[in-house]
Amino acid sequence: MTAVYSARWYRVANLKPRLSAQLQLRRQRLRGETWYVLAERGRARFVRLNAAAYSMAGRFDGCHTIQQLWDHLLGTGKDAPTQDEVIDLLAQLREAALVTFDRPADGEQLIPHLERVARPRQRNNLLAWRIPLADPSALLDRLAPLRRVLFSPAAALVWGWR
């Protein structure tokens, strides 16, 4: 059984989240369960949410606080997400840049575990590696006299002969 309340809730309770205006919503039926995919037009940013998470995220209009939205969901009697699940949802949407807030979270530590989760994945992803490149100008300037020899009509005949 999971706890309904979170010790980190005070950091996000008064935020007013707003979903990006460029979002598209698609419903998917997968293994007998309905999922909601929020995708930003023209970008490869998307998040797949279950019904409980979407019942919360679908109400992010920038006018109501997270506390008000969560209290409303608890009052409806539907399957409301726990406070930790709401915080994780905010982290997921923030990581994908699909949500904005009216102000920074308390102490700007909205989701401390995001830093621990995102960094190892970046180290393991070859496309995320940063490789410093050198400036080859000095070497090319020194090799400039060879340019006339290597790229002459006589050199073209030698290369073409093979």
C-alpha atoms as a PDB file:
ATOM      1  CA  MET A   1       0.000   0.000   0.000  1.00  0.00           C
ATOM      2  CA  THR A   2       1.339   3.415  -0.916  1.00  0.00           C
ATOM      3  CA  ALA A   3       1.130   6.522   1.232  1.00  0.00           C
ATOM      4  CA  VAL A   4      -1.296   9.174   0.004  1.00  0.00           C
ATOM      5  CA  TYR A   5       0.624  12.109   1.448  1.00  0.00           C
ATOM      6  CA  SER A   6       4.165  13.210   0.653  1.00  0.00           C
ATOM      7  CA  ALA A   7       6.778  15.060   2.676  1.00  0.00           C
ATOM      8  CA  ARG A   8       7.717  17.009  -0.487  1.00  0.00           C
ATOM      9  CA  TRP A   9       4.182  18.244  -1.171  1.00  0.00           C
ATOM     10  CA  TYR A  10       4.724  21.702   0.358  1.00  0.00           C
ATOM     11  CA  ARG A  11       7.240  22.457  -2.407  1.00  0.00           C
ATOM     12  CA  VAL A  12       4.681  22.125  -5.200  1.00  0.00           C
ATOM     13  CA  ALA A  13       1.267  22.611  -3.572  1.00  0.00           C
ATOM     14  CA  ASN A  14       0.943  26.308  -4.468  1.00  0.00           C
ATOM     15  CA  LEU A  15       2.265  26.089  -8.030  1.00  0.00           C
ATOM     16  CA  LYS A  16      -0.108  26.818 -10.899  1.00  0.00           C
ATOM     17  CA  PRO A  17       0.896  24.546 -13.791  1.00  0.00           C
ATOM     18  CA  ARG A  18      -0.100  25.172 -17.408  1.00  0.00           C
ATOM     19  CA  LEU A  19       0.268  22.635 -20.196  1.00  0.00           C
ATOM     20  CA  SER A  20       1.949  23.795 -23.385  1.00  0.00           C
ATOM     21  CA  ALA A  21      -0.436  25.256 -25.946  1.00  0.00           C
ATOM     22  CA  GLN A  22       1.156  23.117 -28.676  1.00  0.00           C
ATOM     23  CA  LEU A  23       0.116  19.795 -27.138  1.00  0.00           C
ATOM     24  CA  GLN A  24      -1.838  17.149 -28.970  1.00  0.00           C
ATOM     25  CA  LEU A  25      -3.694  14.435 -27.099  1.00  0.00           C
ATOM     26  CA  ARG A  26      -3.976  10.874 -28.371  1.00  0.00           C
ATOM     27  CA  ARG A  27      -5.712   8.028 -26.608  1.00  0.00           C
ATOM     28  CA  GLN A  28      -4.194   4.567 -26.860  1.00  0.00           C
ATOM     29  CA  ARG A  29      -5.652   1.272 -25.805  1.00  0.00           C
ATOM     30  CA  LEU A  30      -2.869  -1.047 -24.680  1.00  0.00           C
ATOM     31  CA  ARG A  31      -3.344  -4.396 -22.945  1.00  0.00           C
ATOM     32  CA  GLY A  32      -6.867  -3.510 -21.909  1.00  0.00           C
ATOM     33  CA  GLU A  33      -5.879  -0.185 -20.351  1.00  0.00           C
ATOM     34  CA  THR A  34      -6.408   3.328 -21.702  1.00  0.00           C
ATOM     35  CA  TRP A  35      -3.330   5.516 -21.949  1.00  0.00           C
ATOM     36  CA  TYR A  36      -3.113   9.183 -22.890  1.00  0.00           C
ATOM     37  CA  VAL A  37      -0.191  10.438 -24.943  1.00  0.00           C
ATOM     38  CA  LEU A  38       0.605  14.143 -24.692  1.00  0.00           C
ATOM     39  CA  ALA A  39       2.826  15.143 -27.606  1.00  0.00           C
ATOM     40  CA  GLU A  40       4.114  18.528 -28.665  1.00  0.00           C
ATOM     41  CA  ARG A  41       3.566  19.375 -32.333  1.00  0.00           C
ATOM     42  CA  GLY A  42       6.736  19.541 -34.385  1.00  0.00           C
ATOM     43  CA  ARG A  43       8.963  18.134 -31.653  1.00  0.00           C
ATOM     44  CA  ALA A  44       9.851  14.708 -30.389  1.00  0.00           C
ATOM     45  CA  ARG A  45       8.581  15.437 -26.895  1.00  0.00           C
ATOM     46  CA  PHE A  46       5.863  13.242 -25.537  1.00  0.00           C
ATOM     47  CA  VAL A  47       4.640  11.681 -22.319  1.00  0.00           C
ATOM     48  CA  ARG A  48       2.373   8.677 -21.888  1.00  0.00           C
ATOM     49  CA  LEU A  49       0.033   8.872 -18.891  1.00  0.00           C
ATOM     50  CA  ASN A  50      -2.392   6.453 -17.315  1.00  0.00           C
ATOM     51  CA  ALA A  51      -5.975   7.520 -16.549  1.00  0.00           C
ATOM     52  CA  ALA A  52      -5.235   8.673 -12.987  1.00  0.00           C
ATOM     53  CA  ALA A  53      -2.275  10.810 -14.065  1.00  0.00           C
ATOM     54  CA  TYR A  54      -4.206  12.278 -16.984  1.00  0.00           C
ATOM     55  CA  SER A  55      -7.134  13.142 -14.714  1.00  0.00           C
ATOM     56  CA  MET A  56      -4.678  15.433 -12.915  1.00  0.00           C
ATOM     57  CA  ALA A  57      -2.588  16.684 -15.865  1.00  0.00           C
ATOM     58  CA  GLY A  58      -5.646  17.399 -17.995  1.00  0.00           C
ATOM     59  CA  ARG A  59      -6.663  20.071 -15.481  1.00  0.00           C
ATOM     60  CA  PHE A  60      -3.387  22.026 -15.643  1.00  0.00           C
ATOM     61  CA  ASP A  61      -4.772  25.359 -16.846  1.00  0.00           C
ATOM     62  CA  GLY A  62      -2.539  27.851 -15.049  1.00  0.00           C
ATOM     63  CA  CYS A  63      -5.416  29.156 -12.898  1.00  0.00           C
ATOM     64  CA  HIS A  64      -5.686  26.511 -10.179  1.00  0.00           C
ATOM     65  CA  THR A  65      -2.994  25.397  -7.767  1.00  0.00           C
ATOM     66  CA  ILE A  66      -1.877  21.809  -7.572  1.00  0.00           C
ATOM     67  CA  GLN A  67      -3.412  21.574  -4.101  1.00  0.00           C
ATOM     68  CA  GLN A  68      -6.802  22.711  -5.436  1.00  0.00           C
ATOM     69  CA  LEU A  69      -6.661  20.238  -8.322  1.00  0.00           C
ATOM     70  CA  TRP A  70      -5.665  17.367  -6.065  1.00  0.00           C
ATOM     71  CA  ASP A  71      -8.406  18.205  -3.529  1.00  0.00           C
ATOM     72  CA  HIS A  72     -10.938  18.283  -6.378  1.00  0.00           C
ATOM     73  CA  LEU A  73      -9.841  14.840  -7.576  1.00  0.00           C
ATOM     74  CA  LEU A  74     -10.092  13.425  -4.058  1.00  0.00           C
ATOM     75  CA  GLY A  75     -13.625  14.838  -3.775  1.00  0.00           C
ATOM     76  CA  THR A  76     -14.825  13.230  -6.988  1.00  0.00           C
ATOM     77  CA  GLY A  77     -14.269   9.735  -5.619  1.00  0.00           C
ATOM     78  CA  LYS A  78     -12.394   8.659  -8.746  1.00  0.00           C
ATOM     79  CA  ASP A  79      -9.019   6.953  -8.672  1.00  0.00           C
ATOM     80  CA  ALA A  80      -6.921   9.972  -7.658  1.00  0.00           C
ATOM     81  CA  PRO A  81      -3.125   9.817  -7.766  1.00  0.00           C
ATOM     82  CA  THR A  82      -1.139  10.061  -4.542  1.00  0.00           C
ATOM     83  CA  GLN A  83       0.881  13.176  -3.783  1.00  0.00           C
ATOM     84  CA  ASP A  84       4.122  11.400  -4.703  1.00  0.00           C
ATOM     85  CA  GLU A  85       2.576  10.344  -8.025  1.00  0.00           C
ATOM     86  CA  VAL A  86       1.564  13.955  -8.696  1.00  0.00           C
ATOM     87  CA  ILE A  87       5.115  15.131  -7.952  1.00  0.00           C
ATOM     88  CA  ASP A  88       6.502  12.453 -10.279  1.00  0.00           C
ATOM     89  CA  LEU A  89       3.993  13.532 -12.934  1.00  0.00           C
ATOM     90  CA  LEU A  90       5.151  17.136 -12.622  1.00  0.00           C
ATOM     91  CA  ALA A  91       8.755  15.999 -12.943  1.00  0.00           C
ATOM     92  CA  GLN A  92       7.964  13.948 -16.029  1.00  0.00           C
ATOM     93  CA  LEU A  93       6.110  16.817 -17.707  1.00  0.00           C
ATOM     94  CA  ARG A  94       8.782  19.321 -16.713  1.00  0.00           C
ATOM     95  CA  GLU A  95      11.572  17.077 -18.027  1.00  0.00           C
ATOM     96  CA  ALA A  96       9.785  16.872 -21.392  1.00  0.00           C
ATOM     97  CA  ALA A  97       9.179  20.674 -21.312  1.00  0.00           C
ATOM     98  CA  LEU A  98       5.424  20.171 -21.663  1.00  0.00           C
ATOM     99  CA  VAL A  99       4.408  22.211 -18.622  1.00  0.00           C
ATOM    100  CA  THR A 100       5.185  25.677 -17.300  1.00  0.00           C
ATOM    101  CA  PHE A 101       4.637  27.077 -13.821  1.00  0.00           C
ATOM    102  CA  ASP A 102       3.626  30.502 -12.581  1.00  0.00           C
ATOM    103  CA  ARG A 103       6.785  30.612 -10.443  1.00  0.00           C
ATOM    104  CA  PRO A 104       9.690  28.331  -9.477  1.00  0.00           C
ATOM    105  CA  ALA A 105       9.036  25.563  -6.989  1.00  0.00           C
ATOM    106  CA  ASP A 106       9.982  26.122  -3.347  1.00  0.00           C
ATOM    107  CA  GLY A 107      13.776  26.000  -3.256  1.00  0.00           C
ATOM    108  CA  GLU A 108      13.721  24.991  -6.950  1.00  0.00           C
ATOM    109  CA  GLN A 109      13.960  21.399  -5.813  1.00  0.00           C
ATOM    110  CA  LEU A 110      10.747  20.258  -7.393  1.00  0.00           C
ATOM    111  CA  ILE A 111      11.960  16.764  -8.043  1.00  0.00           C
ATOM    112  CA  PRO A 112      15.311  15.896  -6.471  1.00  0.00           C
ATOM    113  CA  HIS A 113      15.437  12.401  -7.971  1.00  0.00           C
ATOM    114  CA  LEU A 114      15.355  13.766 -11.545  1.00  0.00           C
ATOM    115  CA  GLU A 115      19.016  14.661 -11.332  1.00  0.00           C
ATOM    116  CA  ARG A 116      19.935  11.163 -10.200  1.00  0.00           C
ATOM    117  CA  VAL A 117      17.830   9.497 -12.892  1.00  0.00           C
ATOM    118  CA  ALA A 118      18.635  11.649 -15.927  1.00  0.00           C
ATOM    119  CA  ARG A 119      22.410  11.865 -15.649  1.00  0.00           C
ATOM    120  CA  PRO A 120      23.314   8.141 -15.832  1.00  0.00           C
ATOM    121  CA  ARG A 121      21.148   7.743 -18.934  1.00  0.00           C
ATOM    122  CA  GLN A 122      23.010  10.590 -20.593  1.00  0.00           C
ATOM    123  CA  ARG A 123      26.369   9.003 -19.851  1.00  0.00           C
ATOM    124  CA  ASN A 124      25.249   5.721 -21.409  1.00  0.00           C
ATOM    125  CA  ASN A 125      23.818   7.382 -24.514  1.00  0.00           C
ATOM    126  CA  LEU A 126      26.473   7.797 -27.207  1.00  0.00           C
ATOM    127  CA  LEU A 127      24.499  10.639 -28.770  1.00  0.00           C
ATOM    128  CA  ALA A 128      24.716  12.625 -25.527  1.00  0.00           C
ATOM    129  CA  TRP A 129      28.520  12.527 -25.255  1.00  0.00           C
ATOM    130  CA  ARG A 130      30.306  15.826 -25.641  1.00  0.00           C
ATOM    131  CA  ILE A 131      33.597  15.523 -27.444  1.00  0.00           C
ATOM    132  CA  PRO A 132      35.746  18.650 -27.580  1.00  0.00           C
ATOM    133  CA  LEU A 133      36.991  19.395 -31.080  1.00  0.00           C
ATOM    134  CA  ALA A 134      40.265  21.124 -31.915  1.00  0.00           C
ATOM    135  CA  ASP A 135      40.711  24.013 -34.325  1.00  0.00           C
ATOM    136  CA  PRO A 136      42.646  22.644 -37.356  1.00  0.00           C
ATOM    137  CA  SER A 137      43.495  26.097 -38.792  1.00  0.00           C
ATOM    138  CA  ALA A 138      47.150  26.037 -37.738  1.00  0.00           C
ATOM    139  CA  LEU A 139      47.713  22.583 -39.263  1.00  0.00           C
ATOM    140  CA  LEU A 140      45.965  23.522 -42.506  1.00  0.00           C
ATOM    141  CA  ASP A 141      48.057  26.686 -42.805  1.00  0.00           C
ATOM    142  CA  ARG A 142      51.253  24.604 -42.509  1.00  0.00           C
ATOM    143  CA  LEU A 143      50.015  22.125 -45.140  1.00  0.00           C
ATOM    144  CA  ALA A 144      48.939  24.861 -47.592  1.00  0.00           C
ATOM    145  CA  PRO A 145      52.000  24.430 -49.893  1.00  0.00           C
ATOM    146  CA  LEU A 146      51.066  20.759 -50.411  1.00  0.00           C
ATOM    147  CA  ARG A 147      47.619  21.815 -51.634  1.00  0.00           C
ATOM    148  CA  ARG A 148      49.045  22.941 -55.003  1.00  0.00           C
ATOM    149  CA  VAL A 149      50.858  19.635 -55.447  1.00  0.00           C
ATOM    150  CA  LEU A 150      48.056  17.304 -54.322  1.00  0.00           C
ATOM    151  CA  PHE A 151      45.245  19.064 -56.182  1.00  0.00           C
ATOM    152  CA  SER A 152      46.902  19.733 -59.539  1.00  0.00           C
ATOM    153  CA  PRO A 153      46.068  18.245 -62.959  1.00  0.00           C
ATOM    154  CA  ALA A 154      49.143  16.005 -62.692  1.00  0.00           C
ATOM    155  CA  ALA A 155      47.939  14.643 -59.318  1.00  0.00           C
ATOM    156  CA  ALA A 156      44.498  14.005 -60.843  1.00  0.00           C
ATOM    157  CA  LEU A 157      46.127  11.877 -63.551  1.00  0.00           C
ATOM    158  CA  VAL A 158      48.054   9.902 -60.929  1.00  0.00           C
ATOM    159  CA  TRP A 159      44.895   9.339 -58.887  1.00  0.00           C
ATOM    160  CA  GLY A 160      42.930   8.422 -62.008  1.00  0.00           C
ATOM    161  CA  TRP A 161      45.566   6.001 -63.254  1.00  0.00           C
ATOM    162  CA  ARG A 162      44.888   3.587 -60.408  1.00  0.00           C
END
